[in-house]
């Protein structure tokens, strides 16, 4: 679904959507959730003794196996996973969990845009627009550098450890009931 900005008011007026709901829909459409999906898949894979099929991962992620194969292909090219063909084939984590950072995964996915917000560039000769864009560009660059630095500090082992802790706490709370 694609709605041009100039038709947003007309779309909202002719539908039952509120302005906030419409804004959330547009924001959701622009989000790239591949990093989150890859992390989800890798944590499932880390819990398995053998290869995990694209079909199984697709069920875990609520997506199509073709999407899984395409996305995992980027990780294979980066040396993070391997794939095995055949009846007992599937995907395996190739790298040590402690050596794979979120930044490496972000890079393996082609470094998708970090922020969905951007500059207005309709009138580049406008001094106000130039001033605003300069301030925003600097701020975006600082925020992205900070985010990528943090991505470099978090490993798959960190996430696997956090998952294990949460899973143990859930089991414990269920046993107490």
N, C-alpha and C. Protein backbone atom coordinates (compact mmCIF):
# COMPACT_ATOMS: atom_id res chain seq x y z
N UNK A 1 0.84 -1.17 0.00
CA UNK A 1 0.00 0.00 0.00
C UNK A 1 0.88 1.23 0.00
N UNK A 2 0.70 2.11 -0.94
CA UNK A 2 1.48 3.33 -1.02
C UNK A 2 0.51 4.49 -1.15
N UNK A 3 0.67 5.49 -0.31
CA UNK A 3 -0.19 6.66 -0.35
C UNK A 3 0.70 7.88 -0.47
N UNK A 4 0.48 8.70 -1.47
CA UNK A 4 1.27 9.91 -1.63
C UNK A 4 0.92 10.88 -0.52
N UNK A 5 1.90 11.66 -0.11
CA UNK A 5 1.70 12.61 0.97
C UNK A 5 0.58 13.59 0.64
N UNK A 6 0.49 14.01 -0.61
CA UNK A 6 -0.54 14.99 -0.98
C UNK A 6 -1.95 14.43 -0.85
N UNK A 7 -2.08 13.12 -0.81
CA UNK A 7 -3.41 12.54 -0.70
C UNK A 7 -3.72 12.05 0.71
N UNK A 8 -2.81 12.29 1.66
CA UNK A 8 -3.03 11.81 3.03
C UNK A 8 -4.31 12.36 3.63
N UNK A 9 -4.53 13.68 3.52
CA UNK A 9 -5.73 14.29 4.09
C UNK A 9 -6.98 13.68 3.47
N UNK A 10 -6.98 13.53 2.16
CA UNK A 10 -8.14 12.96 1.48
C UNK A 10 -8.36 11.52 1.91
N UNK A 11 -7.27 10.77 2.06
CA UNK A 11 -7.38 9.37 2.47
C UNK A 11 -7.95 9.27 3.88
N UNK A 12 -7.44 10.09 4.78
CA UNK A 12 -7.93 10.07 6.16
C UNK A 12 -9.40 10.48 6.20
N UNK A 13 -9.75 11.49 5.42
CA UNK A 13 -11.13 11.99 5.42
C UNK A 13 -12.12 10.96 4.91
N UNK A 14 -11.70 10.12 3.97
CA UNK A 14 -12.62 9.15 3.37
C UNK A 14 -12.55 7.78 4.03
N UNK A 15 -11.75 7.65 5.07
CA UNK A 15 -11.66 6.35 5.74
C UNK A 15 -12.01 6.51 7.21
N UNK A 16 -11.96 5.43 7.91
CA UNK A 16 -12.24 5.46 9.34
C UNK A 16 -10.95 5.57 10.15
N UNK A 17 -9.85 5.89 9.49
CA UNK A 17 -8.57 6.00 10.18
C UNK A 17 -8.43 7.35 10.86
N UNK A 18 -7.86 7.34 12.04
CA UNK A 18 -7.51 8.59 12.69
C UNK A 18 -6.16 9.02 12.15
N UNK A 19 -5.83 10.27 12.37
CA UNK A 19 -4.54 10.79 11.92
C UNK A 19 -3.39 10.00 12.56
N UNK A 20 -3.47 9.71 13.87
CA UNK A 20 -2.39 8.97 14.55
C UNK A 20 -2.27 7.55 14.02
N UNK A 21 -3.39 6.89 13.81
CA UNK A 21 -3.35 5.53 13.28
C UNK A 21 -2.74 5.54 11.88
N UNK A 22 -3.14 6.51 11.06
CA UNK A 22 -2.59 6.61 9.70
C UNK A 22 -1.08 6.83 9.77
N UNK A 23 -0.62 7.71 10.65
CA UNK A 23 0.81 7.98 10.80
C UNK A 23 1.54 6.70 11.21
N UNK A 24 0.95 5.93 12.12
CA UNK A 24 1.56 4.67 12.55
C UNK A 24 1.64 3.67 11.40
N UNK A 25 0.62 3.62 10.57
CA UNK A 25 0.63 2.72 9.41
C UNK A 25 1.75 3.11 8.46
N UNK A 26 1.87 4.40 8.16
CA UNK A 26 2.92 4.87 7.26
C UNK A 26 4.29 4.57 7.85
N UNK A 27 4.49 4.84 9.15
CA UNK A 27 5.77 4.55 9.79
C UNK A 27 6.08 3.06 9.74
N UNK A 28 5.08 2.23 10.00
CA UNK A 28 5.28 0.78 9.99
C UNK A 28 5.72 0.33 8.60
N UNK A 29 5.13 0.90 7.56
CA UNK A 29 5.44 0.49 6.20
C UNK A 29 6.90 0.79 5.86
N UNK A 30 7.47 1.83 6.44
CA UNK A 30 8.82 2.24 6.09
C UNK A 30 9.89 1.51 6.89
N UNK A 31 9.51 0.77 7.91
CA UNK A 31 10.50 0.12 8.77
C UNK A 31 11.11 -1.09 8.08
N UNK A 32 12.41 -1.24 8.28
CA UNK A 32 13.13 -2.41 7.79
C UNK A 32 13.39 -3.29 9.01
N UNK A 33 12.69 -4.39 9.10
CA UNK A 33 12.80 -5.25 10.28
C UNK A 33 13.71 -6.46 10.03
N UNK A 34 14.51 -6.41 8.98
CA UNK A 34 15.36 -7.57 8.68
C UNK A 34 16.36 -7.88 9.79
N UNK A 35 16.96 -6.86 10.41
CA UNK A 35 17.92 -7.12 11.48
C UNK A 35 17.23 -7.83 12.64
N UNK A 36 16.07 -7.34 13.02
CA UNK A 36 15.31 -7.98 14.10
C UNK A 36 14.95 -9.41 13.72
N UNK A 37 14.52 -9.62 12.49
CA UNK A 37 14.15 -10.97 12.03
C UNK A 37 15.36 -11.90 12.02
N UNK A 38 16.49 -11.40 11.56
CA UNK A 38 17.71 -12.21 11.51
C UNK A 38 18.14 -12.60 12.92
N UNK A 39 18.07 -11.66 13.84
CA UNK A 39 18.43 -11.97 15.23
C UNK A 39 17.50 -13.02 15.80
N UNK A 40 16.22 -12.88 15.52
CA UNK A 40 15.21 -13.85 15.97
C UNK A 40 15.56 -15.24 15.42
N UNK A 41 15.83 -15.30 14.13
CA UNK A 41 16.15 -16.58 13.49
C UNK A 41 17.43 -17.18 14.06
N UNK A 42 18.46 -16.36 14.22
CA UNK A 42 19.74 -16.86 14.73
C UNK A 42 19.62 -17.39 16.16
N UNK A 43 18.81 -16.75 16.98
CA UNK A 43 18.62 -17.25 18.34
C UNK A 43 17.89 -18.59 18.34
N UNK A 44 16.91 -18.75 17.44
CA UNK A 44 16.27 -20.06 17.30
C UNK A 44 17.29 -21.10 16.83
N UNK A 45 18.11 -20.72 15.86
CA UNK A 45 19.11 -21.65 15.33
C UNK A 45 20.13 -22.04 16.39
N UNK A 46 20.49 -21.10 17.26
CA UNK A 46 21.48 -21.37 18.30
C UNK A 46 20.99 -22.42 19.29
N UNK A 47 19.69 -22.58 19.40
CA UNK A 47 19.11 -23.55 20.33
C UNK A 47 19.03 -24.96 19.73
N UNK A 48 19.32 -25.08 18.45
CA UNK A 48 19.17 -26.37 17.75
C UNK A 48 20.52 -27.07 17.60
N UNK A 49 20.47 -28.39 17.61
CA UNK A 49 21.69 -29.18 17.43
C UNK A 49 22.04 -29.37 15.95
N UNK A 50 21.05 -29.31 15.08
CA UNK A 50 21.29 -29.54 13.67
C UNK A 50 20.84 -28.36 12.83
N UNK A 51 20.82 -28.57 11.52
CA UNK A 51 20.39 -27.50 10.62
C UNK A 51 18.90 -27.19 10.79
N UNK A 52 18.54 -25.95 10.50
CA UNK A 52 17.15 -25.51 10.59
C UNK A 52 16.71 -25.10 9.18
N UNK A 53 15.59 -25.63 8.74
CA UNK A 53 15.13 -25.35 7.37
C UNK A 53 14.56 -23.94 7.26
N UNK A 54 14.54 -23.45 6.04
CA UNK A 54 13.93 -22.15 5.76
C UNK A 54 12.45 -22.17 6.12
N UNK A 55 11.81 -23.30 5.92
CA UNK A 55 10.39 -23.43 6.24
C UNK A 55 10.15 -23.27 7.74
N UNK A 56 11.00 -23.91 8.55
CA UNK A 56 10.88 -23.80 10.00
C UNK A 56 11.12 -22.36 10.46
N UNK A 57 12.16 -21.74 9.93
CA UNK A 57 12.45 -20.35 10.29
C UNK A 57 11.32 -19.43 9.84
N UNK A 58 10.75 -19.70 8.67
CA UNK A 58 9.64 -18.88 8.18
C UNK A 58 8.45 -18.96 9.12
N UNK A 59 8.18 -20.15 9.66
CA UNK A 59 7.10 -20.30 10.63
C UNK A 59 7.38 -19.50 11.90
N UNK A 60 8.63 -19.53 12.36
CA UNK A 60 9.01 -18.77 13.55
C UNK A 60 8.86 -17.27 13.33
N UNK A 61 9.13 -16.82 12.12
CA UNK A 61 9.13 -15.40 11.81
C UNK A 61 7.83 -14.90 11.21
N UNK A 62 6.93 -15.82 10.87
CA UNK A 62 5.68 -15.40 10.25
C UNK A 62 5.89 -14.82 8.87
N UNK A 63 6.76 -15.45 8.09
CA UNK A 63 7.05 -14.95 6.75
C UNK A 63 7.14 -16.12 5.78
N UNK A 64 7.58 -15.85 4.58
CA UNK A 64 7.68 -16.84 3.53
C UNK A 64 9.10 -17.44 3.51
N UNK A 65 9.24 -18.74 3.26
CA UNK A 65 10.57 -19.36 3.19
C UNK A 65 11.49 -18.70 2.16
N UNK A 66 10.93 -18.17 1.10
CA UNK A 66 11.74 -17.48 0.08
C UNK A 66 12.41 -16.25 0.69
N UNK A 67 11.68 -15.53 1.52
CA UNK A 67 12.23 -14.35 2.20
C UNK A 67 13.36 -14.79 3.13
N UNK A 68 13.16 -15.88 3.83
CA UNK A 68 14.20 -16.41 4.73
C UNK A 68 15.44 -16.77 3.94
N UNK A 69 15.28 -17.50 2.84
CA UNK A 69 16.44 -17.91 2.03
C UNK A 69 17.19 -16.70 1.50
N UNK A 70 16.47 -15.71 1.02
CA UNK A 70 17.11 -14.51 0.48
C UNK A 70 17.89 -13.79 1.57
N UNK A 71 17.28 -13.62 2.72
CA UNK A 71 17.93 -12.90 3.81
C UNK A 71 19.10 -13.68 4.38
N UNK A 72 18.92 -14.98 4.56
CA UNK A 72 20.01 -15.80 5.10
C UNK A 72 21.18 -15.89 4.12
N UNK A 73 20.88 -15.73 2.83
CA UNK A 73 21.94 -15.71 1.83
C UNK A 73 22.95 -14.60 2.09
N UNK A 74 22.48 -13.45 2.56
CA UNK A 74 23.40 -12.36 2.91
C UNK A 74 24.32 -12.77 4.06
N UNK A 75 23.76 -13.48 5.02
CA UNK A 75 24.57 -13.93 6.16
C UNK A 75 25.56 -15.02 5.74
N UNK A 76 25.16 -15.84 4.78
CA UNK A 76 26.08 -16.87 4.27
C UNK A 76 27.26 -16.19 3.57
N UNK A 77 26.98 -15.16 2.78
CA UNK A 77 28.06 -14.44 2.09
C UNK A 77 29.02 -13.80 3.09
N UNK A 78 28.52 -13.41 4.25
CA UNK A 78 29.36 -12.79 5.28
C UNK A 78 30.06 -13.83 6.16
N UNK A 79 29.80 -15.13 5.91
CA UNK A 79 30.45 -16.18 6.68
C UNK A 79 29.84 -16.43 8.06
N UNK A 80 28.64 -15.94 8.28
CA UNK A 80 27.99 -16.09 9.58
C UNK A 80 27.21 -17.40 9.67
N UNK A 81 26.60 -17.81 8.56
CA UNK A 81 25.86 -19.07 8.52
C UNK A 81 26.33 -19.88 7.32
N UNK A 82 26.01 -21.17 7.36
CA UNK A 82 26.22 -22.04 6.21
C UNK A 82 24.89 -22.69 5.89
N UNK A 83 24.79 -23.20 4.69
CA UNK A 83 23.57 -23.92 4.32
C UNK A 83 23.95 -25.29 3.80
N UNK A 84 23.08 -26.25 4.08
CA UNK A 84 23.28 -27.62 3.63
C UNK A 84 22.06 -28.01 2.80
N UNK A 85 22.31 -28.57 1.65
CA UNK A 85 21.21 -29.01 0.78
C UNK A 85 20.77 -30.42 1.15
N UNK A 86 19.63 -30.78 0.64
CA UNK A 86 19.18 -32.15 0.79
C UNK A 86 18.11 -32.33 1.85
N UNK A 87 17.74 -33.59 2.03
CA UNK A 87 16.64 -33.96 2.93
C UNK A 87 16.88 -33.50 4.37
N UNK A 88 18.09 -33.63 4.85
CA UNK A 88 18.38 -33.23 6.23
C UNK A 88 19.15 -31.91 6.27
N UNK A 89 18.98 -31.10 5.23
CA UNK A 89 19.70 -29.84 5.13
C UNK A 89 19.01 -28.70 5.85
N UNK A 90 19.59 -27.54 5.69
CA UNK A 90 19.06 -26.33 6.30
C UNK A 90 20.18 -25.36 6.61
N UNK A 91 19.91 -24.44 7.50
CA UNK A 91 20.87 -23.40 7.87
C UNK A 91 21.51 -23.73 9.22
N UNK A 92 22.79 -23.43 9.32
CA UNK A 92 23.53 -23.58 10.58
C UNK A 92 24.32 -22.30 10.84
N UNK A 93 24.49 -21.99 12.10
CA UNK A 93 25.37 -20.87 12.45
C UNK A 93 26.80 -21.36 12.30
N UNK A 94 27.59 -20.65 11.52
CA UNK A 94 28.97 -21.03 11.23
C UNK A 94 29.94 -20.35 12.19
N UNK A 95 29.64 -19.12 12.55
CA UNK A 95 30.55 -18.34 13.39
C UNK A 95 30.24 -18.55 14.88
N UNK A 96 31.22 -18.28 15.71
CA UNK A 96 31.04 -18.33 17.16
C UNK A 96 30.11 -17.19 17.57
N UNK A 97 29.13 -17.49 18.43
CA UNK A 97 28.15 -16.48 18.84
C UNK A 97 28.81 -15.26 19.47
N UNK A 98 29.90 -15.46 20.16
CA UNK A 98 30.59 -14.35 20.81
C UNK A 98 31.36 -13.46 19.86
N UNK A 99 31.54 -13.92 18.63
CA UNK A 99 32.31 -13.13 17.67
C UNK A 99 31.43 -12.38 16.67
N UNK A 100 30.13 -12.60 16.71
CA UNK A 100 29.22 -11.95 15.75
C UNK A 100 28.50 -10.81 16.46
N UNK A 101 28.73 -9.59 15.96
CA UNK A 101 28.08 -8.42 16.56
C UNK A 101 26.86 -8.01 15.74
N UNK A 102 26.02 -7.23 16.38
CA UNK A 102 24.86 -6.69 15.67
C UNK A 102 25.32 -5.82 14.50
N UNK A 103 26.44 -5.15 14.66
CA UNK A 103 26.95 -4.32 13.56
C UNK A 103 27.32 -5.18 12.35
N UNK A 104 27.96 -6.32 12.59
CA UNK A 104 28.30 -7.22 11.48
C UNK A 104 27.03 -7.69 10.76
N UNK A 105 26.01 -7.99 11.52
CA UNK A 105 24.75 -8.43 10.91
C UNK A 105 24.11 -7.28 10.13
N UNK A 106 24.14 -6.09 10.70
CA UNK A 106 23.62 -4.90 10.02
C UNK A 106 24.35 -4.69 8.69
N UNK A 107 25.66 -4.84 8.72
CA UNK A 107 26.47 -4.68 7.50
C UNK A 107 26.18 -5.80 6.51
N UNK A 108 26.02 -7.03 7.00
CA UNK A 108 25.72 -8.16 6.11
C UNK A 108 24.40 -7.96 5.38
N UNK A 109 23.48 -7.25 6.01
CA UNK A 109 22.18 -6.98 5.39
C UNK A 109 22.22 -5.77 4.46
N UNK A 110 23.40 -5.23 4.22
CA UNK A 110 23.53 -4.11 3.30
C UNK A 110 23.39 -2.76 3.96
N UNK A 111 23.55 -2.71 5.27
CA UNK A 111 23.45 -1.47 6.04
C UNK A 111 22.18 -0.68 5.71
N UNK A 112 21.02 -1.27 6.00
CA UNK A 112 19.77 -0.55 5.72
C UNK A 112 19.71 0.77 6.48
N UNK A 113 18.92 1.68 5.97
CA UNK A 113 18.79 3.00 6.59
C UNK A 113 18.44 2.85 8.06
N UNK A 114 19.14 3.60 8.87
CA UNK A 114 18.95 3.52 10.31
C UNK A 114 17.68 4.25 10.75
N UNK A 115 17.41 5.37 10.13
CA UNK A 115 16.26 6.19 10.50
C UNK A 115 15.30 6.34 9.33
N UNK A 116 14.03 6.36 9.63
CA UNK A 116 13.01 6.54 8.59
C UNK A 116 12.72 8.01 8.35
N UNK A 117 13.28 8.88 9.19
CA UNK A 117 13.05 10.31 8.99
C UNK A 117 14.20 10.89 8.19
N UNK A 118 13.94 11.96 7.50
CA UNK A 118 14.96 12.56 6.66
C UNK A 118 14.71 14.03 6.44
N UNK A 119 15.51 14.60 5.58
CA UNK A 119 15.43 16.03 5.29
C UNK A 119 14.40 16.35 4.22
N UNK A 120 13.92 17.55 4.28
CA UNK A 120 13.07 18.10 3.23
C UNK A 120 14.03 18.69 2.19
N UNK A 121 13.81 18.37 0.92
CA UNK A 121 14.70 18.86 -0.15
C UNK A 121 13.93 19.46 -1.32
N UNK A 122 12.76 19.98 -1.03
CA UNK A 122 11.93 20.53 -2.10
C UNK A 122 12.47 21.84 -2.65
N UNK A 123 13.09 22.67 -1.78
CA UNK A 123 13.62 23.96 -2.22
C UNK A 123 15.04 24.13 -1.67
N UNK A 124 16.01 23.49 -2.30
CA UNK A 124 17.38 23.52 -1.78
C UNK A 124 18.00 24.91 -1.73
N UNK A 125 17.46 25.86 -2.49
CA UNK A 125 18.00 27.22 -2.46
C UNK A 125 17.50 28.02 -1.26
N UNK A 126 16.51 27.51 -0.54
CA UNK A 126 15.93 28.19 0.62
C UNK A 126 16.90 28.13 1.80
N UNK A 127 17.24 29.29 2.35
CA UNK A 127 18.18 29.34 3.46
C UNK A 127 17.63 28.67 4.73
N UNK A 128 16.33 28.78 4.94
CA UNK A 128 15.72 28.12 6.10
C UNK A 128 15.87 26.60 5.95
N UNK A 129 15.56 26.10 4.77
CA UNK A 129 15.68 24.67 4.52
C UNK A 129 17.13 24.22 4.69
N UNK A 130 18.07 25.00 4.20
CA UNK A 130 19.49 24.67 4.35
C UNK A 130 19.89 24.62 5.82
N UNK A 131 19.41 25.59 6.61
CA UNK A 131 19.72 25.64 8.04
C UNK A 131 19.17 24.42 8.76
N UNK A 132 17.91 24.12 8.49
CA UNK A 132 17.26 22.97 9.12
C UNK A 132 17.97 21.68 8.73
N UNK A 133 18.24 21.51 7.44
CA UNK A 133 18.89 20.29 6.97
C UNK A 133 20.28 20.11 7.56
N UNK A 134 21.03 21.20 7.69
CA UNK A 134 22.37 21.10 8.29
C UNK A 134 22.28 20.62 9.73
N UNK A 135 21.33 21.16 10.48
CA UNK A 135 21.15 20.74 11.88
C UNK A 135 20.73 19.28 11.95
N UNK A 136 19.78 18.90 11.11
CA UNK A 136 19.30 17.52 11.14
C UNK A 136 20.37 16.54 10.69
N UNK A 137 21.10 16.87 9.63
CA UNK A 137 22.13 15.96 9.13
C UNK A 137 23.18 15.68 10.19
N UNK A 138 23.61 16.73 10.89
CA UNK A 138 24.59 16.54 11.95
C UNK A 138 24.05 15.67 13.07
N UNK A 139 22.81 15.92 13.44
CA UNK A 139 22.18 15.15 14.51
C UNK A 139 21.99 13.70 14.09
N UNK A 140 21.52 13.48 12.87
CA UNK A 140 21.34 12.11 12.37
C UNK A 140 22.68 11.38 12.34
N UNK A 141 23.73 12.05 11.87
CA UNK A 141 25.05 11.42 11.79
C UNK A 141 25.55 11.03 13.19
N UNK A 142 25.37 11.92 14.17
CA UNK A 142 25.78 11.60 15.54
C UNK A 142 24.99 10.42 16.10
N UNK A 143 23.69 10.44 15.89
CA UNK A 143 22.83 9.37 16.40
C UNK A 143 23.18 8.04 15.74
N UNK A 144 23.41 8.06 14.44
CA UNK A 144 23.76 6.82 13.74
C UNK A 144 25.11 6.28 14.21
N UNK A 145 26.08 7.17 14.40
CA UNK A 145 27.40 6.74 14.88
C UNK A 145 27.28 6.10 16.26
N UNK A 146 26.47 6.68 17.13
CA UNK A 146 26.27 6.13 18.46
C UNK A 146 25.59 4.77 18.40
N UNK A 147 24.57 4.66 17.54
CA UNK A 147 23.86 3.39 17.39
C UNK A 147 24.80 2.31 16.85
N UNK A 148 25.57 2.63 15.83
CA UNK A 148 26.49 1.64 15.24
C UNK A 148 27.58 1.24 16.23
N UNK A 149 28.02 2.20 17.05
CA UNK A 149 29.00 1.88 18.10
C UNK A 149 28.39 0.87 19.07
N UNK A 150 27.17 1.11 19.47
CA UNK A 150 26.49 0.18 20.39
C UNK A 150 26.28 -1.18 19.72
N UNK A 151 25.90 -1.17 18.44
CA UNK A 151 25.76 -2.43 17.70
C UNK A 151 27.06 -3.22 17.72
N UNK A 152 28.20 -2.54 17.70
CA UNK A 152 29.51 -3.20 17.71
C UNK A 152 29.80 -3.85 19.05
N UNK A 153 29.11 -3.43 20.09
CA UNK A 153 29.36 -3.93 21.45
C UNK A 153 28.47 -5.10 21.83
N UNK A 154 27.43 -5.36 21.07
CA UNK A 154 26.47 -6.42 21.40
C UNK A 154 26.69 -7.61 20.48
N UNK A 155 26.87 -8.79 21.09
CA UNK A 155 27.10 -10.00 20.31
C UNK A 155 25.88 -10.92 20.37
N UNK A 156 25.89 -11.90 19.47
CA UNK A 156 24.84 -12.92 19.53
C UNK A 156 24.90 -13.68 20.85
N UNK A 157 26.09 -13.85 21.40
CA UNK A 157 26.22 -14.53 22.70
C UNK A 157 25.52 -13.73 23.79
N UNK A 158 25.60 -12.41 23.73
CA UNK A 158 24.89 -11.56 24.70
C UNK A 158 23.39 -11.80 24.62
N UNK A 159 22.88 -11.83 23.39
CA UNK A 159 21.44 -12.04 23.21
C UNK A 159 21.03 -13.45 23.64
N UNK A 160 21.86 -14.44 23.31
CA UNK A 160 21.55 -15.82 23.70
C UNK A 160 21.53 -15.96 25.22
N UNK A 161 22.44 -15.27 25.89
CA UNK A 161 22.48 -15.30 27.35
C UNK A 161 21.24 -14.64 27.94
N UNK A 162 20.84 -13.51 27.38
CA UNK A 162 19.63 -12.82 27.86
C UNK A 162 18.40 -13.69 27.62
N UNK A 163 18.35 -14.34 26.46
CA UNK A 163 17.22 -15.24 26.18
C UNK A 163 17.18 -16.38 27.20
N UNK A 164 18.33 -16.99 27.48
CA UNK A 164 18.38 -18.10 28.43
C UNK A 164 17.91 -17.64 29.81
N UNK A 165 18.31 -16.45 30.22
CA UNK A 165 17.89 -15.91 31.51
C UNK A 165 16.38 -15.71 31.55
N UNK A 166 15.82 -15.12 30.49
CA UNK A 166 14.37 -14.89 30.43
C UNK A 166 13.60 -16.21 30.40
N UNK A 167 14.13 -17.17 29.66
CA UNK A 167 13.47 -18.47 29.56
C UNK A 167 13.47 -19.18 30.91
N UNK A 168 14.59 -19.12 31.62
CA UNK A 168 14.67 -19.74 32.95
C UNK A 168 13.72 -19.07 33.92
N UNK A 169 13.62 -17.74 33.86
CA UNK A 169 12.71 -17.01 34.75
C UNK A 169 11.26 -17.39 34.45
N UNK A 170 10.92 -17.56 33.19
CA UNK A 170 9.56 -17.95 32.82
C UNK A 170 9.25 -19.35 33.33
N UNK A 171 10.18 -20.28 33.15
CA UNK A 171 9.98 -21.64 33.67
C UNK A 171 9.82 -21.63 35.18
N UNK A 172 10.63 -20.82 35.85
CA UNK A 172 10.56 -20.72 37.30
C UNK A 172 9.20 -20.18 37.75
N UNK A 173 8.73 -19.13 37.08
CA UNK A 173 7.43 -18.54 37.47
C UNK A 173 6.29 -19.51 37.19
N UNK A 174 6.39 -20.31 36.15
CA UNK A 174 5.34 -21.30 35.86
C UNK A 174 5.35 -22.42 36.90
N UNK A 175 6.53 -22.79 37.37
CA UNK A 175 6.64 -23.83 38.39
C UNK A 175 6.11 -23.35 39.74
N UNK A 176 6.15 -22.04 39.97
CA UNK A 176 5.66 -21.47 41.22
C UNK A 176 4.14 -21.41 41.26
N UNK A 177 3.51 -21.44 40.09
CA UNK A 177 2.04 -21.30 40.02
C UNK A 177 1.33 -22.55 40.41
